[in-house]
Every structure is written in C-alpha cells, then in structure tokens.
Amino acid sequence: MKQKTRSISLIAATVAALAIAVVLAGCGSTTPAEAPSTIYPESSPTSGPAVVKAYLNDAKVVVTDLSTTAAAVPDAVAGMSKKPDSTWSTAATNLQDISTQLGDEATALAALQPPESLQPVHDAVVTGIEGAQTAVDKLAAALAKGESTAATKAQIQSTVDSVKSQIQSMSGMLSSALDGL
C-alpha cells in the first residue's frame, strides 16, 4: 500500500515540479523534442510583419485546442469504479488519448516561431504542456495496471483536477501573452 501511495505522491510531486519549472522556464533549449507537427497547416514565417500575424493565428489554434483538451481531462475518468475493473482500463485509454493530444499540441506550438518578446512565455508553455503530458501518462499507466492501492478514486480525481488546472494555466498564460501583442 505504501508503494501505491508513493506513486500518487510522485504524480503530485511531478505536477508541483511542473509548476516550478514553468516559473523557471525561459532558460535552455528551444528545440522541439520531435519534428514539427503537421496538424496545424500554417507555419509561421521567420521575418517581417507577417511573423506576428502568423504566430497569433497558429498559436490561437493551439490555445483553443488546449482548452478543449483541458475540458476533456475530467471526463476521461468519469464513471470510474472505486476499485479496479474495466472502468479503470477505459479511463487509462481515455487518458492515453489525452496524452497524445497534449503531445500534438506541444509539438505544434514548439514548431512555431514566436516573436522574440514572446519566446520565454512560448518556451514555458511548451514545457508546461509536456509536463502535463507526463503526469497524464503516469496516471494512465497506473490505472492500466489496476493499481488500486496506489490511489483512491479521490486521489485520482485530485490528480486529474491538478492536471486540468495546469493545462488551463498554460492556455491562459499563452492567451494573455498573445493578447499583449
């Protein structure tokens, strides 16, 4: 039981570390971990007045997608039983889908070239999305294994709420920065 409690504590610590990483972001590499995504057909130009307009258009698509993904997080675990059964497997599959969406959104955003003034916020949001994706992956893996002693349903819901809040925070951070242009 202690091992399972540690897993949830680790997930909570990951979410907390993610929040700290967002504050400290702005330093480090801006190179995306993967090749640019093709889910957003426009690509931001690298110079001229069109840079801001193209970035705004593309980044707003990502903000909208992030909002949709954040709204879907609680639904992913809705209807879960208190003890492991098929509802836990379904929740794990739903969370894996959300993780994929977060990965696509992080990759799409990382592929954009923001105006220089937005680079620190842009990088922090990409890092934050990737951190939320990691937390979702860990929770999905625990549910897929049926680790009932790792977490109570209330702890799982708390983790889900934290992830949703984190995604909303990233979306709001980027949206506020875009509004400031």
C-alpha atoms as a PDB file:
ATOM      1  CA  MET A   1       0.000   0.000   0.000  1.00  0.00           C
ATOM      2  CA  LYS A   2       2.876   2.355   0.777  1.00  0.00           C
ATOM      3  CA  GLN A   3       4.301   1.763  -2.719  1.00  0.00           C
ATOM      4  CA  LYS A   4       0.994   2.698  -4.306  1.00  0.00           C
ATOM      5  CA  THR A   5       0.682   5.802  -2.119  1.00  0.00           C
ATOM      6  CA  ARG A   6       4.178   6.760  -3.211  1.00  0.00           C
ATOM      7  CA  SER A   7       3.067   6.541  -6.846  1.00  0.00           C
ATOM      8  CA  ILE A   8       0.329   9.094  -6.257  1.00  0.00           C
ATOM      9  CA  SER A   9       2.723  11.220  -4.245  1.00  0.00           C
ATOM     10  CA  LEU A  10       5.141  11.041  -7.163  1.00  0.00           C
ATOM     11  CA  ILE A  11       2.413  12.185  -9.543  1.00  0.00           C
ATOM     12  CA  ALA A  12       1.525  15.060  -7.234  1.00  0.00           C
ATOM     13  CA  ALA A  13       5.209  15.955  -6.918  1.00  0.00           C
ATOM     14  CA  THR A  14       5.518  15.877 -10.706  1.00  0.00           C
ATOM     15  CA  VAL A  15       2.648  18.341 -11.046  1.00  0.00           C
ATOM     16  CA  ALA A  16       4.232  20.577  -8.389  1.00  0.00           C
ATOM     17  CA  ALA A  17       7.623  20.358 -10.091  1.00  0.00           C
ATOM     18  CA  LEU A  18       5.958  21.264 -13.352  1.00  0.00           C
ATOM     19  CA  ALA A  19       4.555  24.420 -11.801  1.00  0.00           C
ATOM     20  CA  ILE A  20       8.029  25.348 -10.575  1.00  0.00           C
ATOM     21  CA  ALA A  21       9.538  24.548 -13.977  1.00  0.00           C
ATOM     22  CA  VAL A  22       7.086  26.912 -15.625  1.00  0.00           C
ATOM     23  CA  VAL A  23       8.221  29.711 -13.340  1.00  0.00           C
ATOM     24  CA  LEU A  24      11.870  28.969 -14.020  1.00  0.00           C
ATOM     25  CA  ALA A  25      11.417  28.353 -17.749  1.00  0.00           C
ATOM     26  CA  GLY A  26      12.848  30.721 -20.261  1.00  0.00           C
ATOM     27  CA  CYS A  27      16.326  29.273 -19.909  1.00  0.00           C
ATOM     28  CA  GLY A  28      17.534  26.393 -22.018  1.00  0.00           C
ATOM     29  CA  SER A  29      16.866  24.903 -25.377  1.00  0.00           C
ATOM     30  CA  THR A  30      14.010  25.958 -27.613  1.00  0.00           C
ATOM     31  CA  THR A  31      14.496  23.000 -29.941  1.00  0.00           C
ATOM     32  CA  PRO A  32      11.416  20.779 -30.055  1.00  0.00           C
ATOM     33  CA  ALA A  33      11.907  17.180 -28.977  1.00  0.00           C
ATOM     34  CA  GLU A  34      10.240  15.922 -32.149  1.00  0.00           C
ATOM     35  CA  ALA A  35       9.901  17.029 -35.737  1.00  0.00           C
ATOM     36  CA  PRO A  36       7.327  19.785 -36.248  1.00  0.00           C
ATOM     37  CA  SER A  37       3.764  18.602 -36.317  1.00  0.00           C
ATOM     38  CA  THR A  38       1.627  18.834 -39.409  1.00  0.00           C
ATOM     39  CA  ILE A  39      -1.664  19.066 -37.540  1.00  0.00           C
ATOM     40  CA  TYR A  40      -1.614  22.842 -37.962  1.00  0.00           C
ATOM     41  CA  PRO A  41      -1.239  23.603 -41.665  1.00  0.00           C
ATOM     42  CA  GLU A  42       0.056  27.158 -41.349  1.00  0.00           C
ATOM     43  CA  SER A  43       3.669  27.646 -40.469  1.00  0.00           C
ATOM     44  CA  SER A  44       4.923  30.862 -39.024  1.00  0.00           C
ATOM     45  CA  PRO A  45       7.230  32.916 -41.221  1.00  0.00           C
ATOM     46  CA  THR A  46      10.564  33.832 -39.666  1.00  0.00           C
ATOM     47  CA  SER A  47      10.760  37.527 -40.501  1.00  0.00           C
ATOM     48  CA  GLY A  48       8.753  40.603 -41.385  1.00  0.00           C
ATOM     49  CA  PRO A  49       5.401  41.908 -40.192  1.00  0.00           C
ATOM     50  CA  ALA A  50       3.748  38.643 -41.131  1.00  0.00           C
ATOM     51  CA  VAL A  51       5.597  36.966 -38.220  1.00  0.00           C
ATOM     52  CA  VAL A  52       3.292  38.327 -35.562  1.00  0.00           C
ATOM     53  CA  LYS A  53       0.113  37.719 -37.551  1.00  0.00           C
ATOM     54  CA  ALA A  54       1.026  34.147 -38.492  1.00  0.00           C
ATOM     55  CA  TYR A  55       2.190  33.333 -34.976  1.00  0.00           C
ATOM     56  CA  LEU A  56      -1.009  34.771 -33.498  1.00  0.00           C
ATOM     57  CA  ASN A  57      -3.170  32.731 -35.862  1.00  0.00           C
ATOM     58  CA  ASP A  58      -1.288  29.487 -35.250  1.00  0.00           C
ATOM     59  CA  ALA A  59      -0.882  29.976 -31.506  1.00  0.00           C
ATOM     60  CA  LYS A  60      -4.581  30.773 -31.089  1.00  0.00           C
ATOM     61  CA  VAL A  61      -5.390  27.400 -32.659  1.00  0.00           C
ATOM     62  CA  VAL A  62      -3.169  25.724 -30.056  1.00  0.00           C
ATOM     63  CA  VAL A  63      -4.802  27.742 -27.232  1.00  0.00           C
ATOM     64  CA  THR A  64      -8.235  26.616 -28.424  1.00  0.00           C
ATOM     65  CA  ASP A  65      -7.081  23.014 -28.643  1.00  0.00           C
ATOM     66  CA  LEU A  66      -5.535  23.198 -25.163  1.00  0.00           C
ATOM     67  CA  SER A  67      -8.816  24.484 -23.749  1.00  0.00           C
ATOM     68  CA  THR A  68     -10.669  21.590 -25.365  1.00  0.00           C
ATOM     69  CA  THR A  69      -8.119  19.096 -24.040  1.00  0.00           C
ATOM     70  CA  ALA A  70      -8.302  20.566 -20.512  1.00  0.00           C
ATOM     71  CA  ALA A  71     -12.084  20.258 -20.560  1.00  0.00           C
ATOM     72  CA  ALA A  72     -11.781  16.586 -21.575  1.00  0.00           C
ATOM     73  CA  VAL A  73      -9.486  15.582 -18.703  1.00  0.00           C
ATOM     74  CA  PRO A  74     -12.190  15.125 -16.019  1.00  0.00           C
ATOM     75  CA  ASP A  75     -14.397  13.250 -18.475  1.00  0.00           C
ATOM     76  CA  ALA A  76     -11.574  10.762 -19.006  1.00  0.00           C
ATOM     77  CA  VAL A  77     -12.048   9.362 -15.508  1.00  0.00           C
ATOM     78  CA  ALA A  78     -15.775   9.970 -15.146  1.00  0.00           C
ATOM     79  CA  GLY A  79     -17.655   6.846 -14.157  1.00  0.00           C
ATOM     80  CA  MET A  80     -14.632   5.089 -12.705  1.00  0.00           C
ATOM     81  CA  SER A  81     -15.363   2.486 -10.062  1.00  0.00           C
ATOM     82  CA  LYS A  82     -13.762   2.761  -6.643  1.00  0.00           C
ATOM     83  CA  LYS A  83     -11.871  -0.463  -7.243  1.00  0.00           C
ATOM     84  CA  PRO A  84     -10.019  -1.601 -10.361  1.00  0.00           C
ATOM     85  CA  ASP A  85     -12.204  -3.031 -13.086  1.00  0.00           C
ATOM     86  CA  SER A  86     -12.921  -2.345 -16.741  1.00  0.00           C
ATOM     87  CA  THR A  87     -13.771   1.287 -15.958  1.00  0.00           C
ATOM     88  CA  TRP A  88     -10.149   1.793 -14.885  1.00  0.00           C
ATOM     89  CA  SER A  89      -8.929   0.385 -18.211  1.00  0.00           C
ATOM     90  CA  THR A  90     -11.326   2.669 -20.062  1.00  0.00           C
ATOM     91  CA  ALA A  91     -10.091   5.662 -18.052  1.00  0.00           C
ATOM     92  CA  ALA A  92      -6.487   4.685 -18.826  1.00  0.00           C
ATOM     93  CA  THR A  93      -7.275   4.549 -22.554  1.00  0.00           C
ATOM     94  CA  ASN A  94      -9.032   7.919 -22.366  1.00  0.00           C
ATOM     95  CA  LEU A  95      -6.048   9.432 -20.555  1.00  0.00           C
ATOM     96  CA  GLN A  96      -3.661   7.987 -23.148  1.00  0.00           C
ATOM     97  CA  ASP A  97      -5.716   9.733 -25.845  1.00  0.00           C
ATOM     98  CA  ILE A  98      -5.441  12.991 -23.915  1.00  0.00           C
ATOM     99  CA  SER A  99      -1.699  12.458 -23.579  1.00  0.00           C
ATOM    100  CA  THR A 100      -1.461  12.091 -27.352  1.00  0.00           C
ATOM    101  CA  GLN A 101      -3.425  15.308 -27.815  1.00  0.00           C
ATOM    102  CA  LEU A 102      -1.135  17.127 -25.382  1.00  0.00           C
ATOM    103  CA  GLY A 103       1.900  15.808 -27.237  1.00  0.00           C
ATOM    104  CA  ASP A 104       0.497  17.025 -30.555  1.00  0.00           C
ATOM    105  CA  GLU A 105      -0.275  20.425 -29.056  1.00  0.00           C
ATOM    106  CA  ALA A 106       3.195  20.774 -27.500  1.00  0.00           C
ATOM    107  CA  THR A 107       4.848  19.729 -30.769  1.00  0.00           C
ATOM    108  CA  ALA A 108       2.701  22.103 -32.814  1.00  0.00           C
ATOM    109  CA  LEU A 109       3.466  25.006 -30.501  1.00  0.00           C
ATOM    110  CA  ALA A 110       7.180  24.186 -30.374  1.00  0.00           C
ATOM    111  CA  ALA A 111       7.251  24.224 -34.190  1.00  0.00           C
ATOM    112  CA  LEU A 112       6.033  27.817 -34.281  1.00  0.00           C
ATOM    113  CA  GLN A 113       8.489  30.710 -34.336  1.00  0.00           C
ATOM    114  CA  PRO A 114       7.246  33.304 -31.838  1.00  0.00           C
ATOM    115  CA  PRO A 115       8.209  36.953 -31.892  1.00  0.00           C
ATOM    116  CA  GLU A 116      11.341  37.404 -29.793  1.00  0.00           C
ATOM    117  CA  SER A 117       9.440  39.122 -26.980  1.00  0.00           C
ATOM    118  CA  LEU A 118       7.231  36.049 -26.532  1.00  0.00           C
ATOM    119  CA  GLN A 119       9.975  33.426 -26.660  1.00  0.00           C
ATOM    120  CA  PRO A 120      10.241  32.957 -22.852  1.00  0.00           C
ATOM    121  CA  VAL A 121       6.470  32.545 -22.430  1.00  0.00           C
ATOM    122  CA  HIS A 122       6.280  30.341 -25.507  1.00  0.00           C
ATOM    123  CA  ASP A 123       9.020  28.065 -24.163  1.00  0.00           C
ATOM    124  CA  ALA A 124       7.440  27.947 -20.691  1.00  0.00           C
ATOM    125  CA  VAL A 125       4.086  26.932 -22.149  1.00  0.00           C
ATOM    126  CA  VAL A 126       5.647  24.182 -24.286  1.00  0.00           C
ATOM    127  CA  THR A 127       7.478  22.875 -21.198  1.00  0.00           C
ATOM    128  CA  GLY A 128       4.286  23.065 -19.153  1.00  0.00           C
ATOM    129  CA  ILE A 129       2.276  21.144 -21.730  1.00  0.00           C
ATOM    130  CA  GLU A 130       4.972  18.461 -21.894  1.00  0.00           C
ATOM    131  CA  GLY A 131       4.929  18.225 -18.091  1.00  0.00           C
ATOM    132  CA  ALA A 132       1.159  17.817 -18.045  1.00  0.00           C
ATOM    133  CA  GLN A 133       1.517  15.121 -20.693  1.00  0.00           C
ATOM    134  CA  THR A 134       3.993  13.251 -18.481  1.00  0.00           C
ATOM    135  CA  ALA A 135       1.626  13.431 -15.497  1.00  0.00           C
ATOM    136  CA  VAL A 136      -1.252  12.125 -17.623  1.00  0.00           C
ATOM    137  CA  ASP A 137       0.955   9.291 -18.926  1.00  0.00           C
ATOM    138  CA  LYS A 138       1.888   8.232 -15.390  1.00  0.00           C
ATOM    139  CA  LEU A 139      -1.713   8.264 -14.225  1.00  0.00           C
ATOM    140  CA  ALA A 140      -2.841   6.300 -17.295  1.00  0.00           C
ATOM    141  CA  ALA A 141      -0.144   3.697 -16.664  1.00  0.00           C
ATOM    142  CA  ALA A 142      -1.171   3.300 -13.022  1.00  0.00           C
ATOM    143  CA  LEU A 143      -4.822   2.887 -13.984  1.00  0.00           C
ATOM    144  CA  ALA A 144      -3.994   0.432 -16.752  1.00  0.00           C
ATOM    145  CA  LYS A 145      -2.154  -1.721 -14.228  1.00  0.00           C
ATOM    146  CA  GLY A 146      -5.159  -1.565 -11.895  1.00  0.00           C
ATOM    147  CA  GLU A 147      -3.105  -0.188  -9.045  1.00  0.00           C
ATOM    148  CA  SER A 148      -5.969   0.246  -6.618  1.00  0.00           C
ATOM    149  CA  THR A 149      -3.759   0.674  -3.610  1.00  0.00           C
ATOM    150  CA  ALA A 150      -1.731   3.315  -5.433  1.00  0.00           C
ATOM    151  CA  ALA A 151      -4.606   5.668  -5.249  1.00  0.00           C
ATOM    152  CA  THR A 152      -8.093   6.112  -4.102  1.00  0.00           C
ATOM    153  CA  LYS A 153     -10.611   7.443  -6.552  1.00  0.00           C
ATOM    154  CA  ALA A 154     -10.450  10.774  -4.686  1.00  0.00           C
ATOM    155  CA  GLN A 155      -6.664  10.915  -5.146  1.00  0.00           C
ATOM    156  CA  ILE A 156      -7.035  10.121  -8.825  1.00  0.00           C
ATOM    157  CA  GLN A 157      -9.623  12.877  -9.155  1.00  0.00           C
ATOM    158  CA  SER A 158      -7.319  15.275  -7.327  1.00  0.00           C
ATOM    159  CA  THR A 159      -4.507  14.473  -9.768  1.00  0.00           C
ATOM    160  CA  VAL A 160      -6.869  14.921 -12.710  1.00  0.00           C
ATOM    161  CA  ASP A 161      -8.004  18.286 -11.332  1.00  0.00           C
ATOM    162  CA  SER A 162      -4.375  19.378 -10.920  1.00  0.00           C
ATOM    163  CA  VAL A 163      -3.537  18.385 -14.489  1.00  0.00           C
ATOM    164  CA  LYS A 164      -6.611  20.181 -15.814  1.00  0.00           C
ATOM    165  CA  SER A 165      -5.630  23.282 -13.874  1.00  0.00           C
ATOM    166  CA  GLN A 166      -2.086  23.069 -15.219  1.00  0.00           C
ATOM    167  CA  ILE A 167      -3.299  22.817 -18.818  1.00  0.00           C
ATOM    168  CA  GLN A 168      -5.697  25.722 -18.288  1.00  0.00           C
ATOM    169  CA  SER A 169      -2.857  27.725 -16.779  1.00  0.00           C
ATOM    170  CA  MET A 170      -0.670  27.081 -19.832  1.00  0.00           C
ATOM    171  CA  SER A 171      -3.512  28.035 -22.151  1.00  0.00           C
ATOM    172  CA  GLY A 172      -4.219  31.196 -20.125  1.00  0.00           C
ATOM    173  CA  MET A 173      -0.541  32.138 -19.980  1.00  0.00           C
ATOM    174  CA  LEU A 174      -0.183  31.913 -23.740  1.00  0.00           C
ATOM    175  CA  SER A 175      -3.522  33.603 -24.369  1.00  0.00           C
ATOM    176  CA  SER A 176      -2.567  36.538 -22.112  1.00  0.00           C
ATOM    177  CA  ALA A 177       0.768  36.877 -23.887  1.00  0.00           C
ATOM    178  CA  LEU A 178      -0.965  36.855 -27.269  1.00  0.00           C
ATOM    179  CA  ASP A 179      -3.432  39.490 -26.103  1.00  0.00           C
ATOM    180  CA  GLY A 180      -0.465  41.653 -25.122  1.00  0.00           C
ATOM    181  CA  LEU A 181       0.849  41.806 -28.694  1.00  0.00           C
END
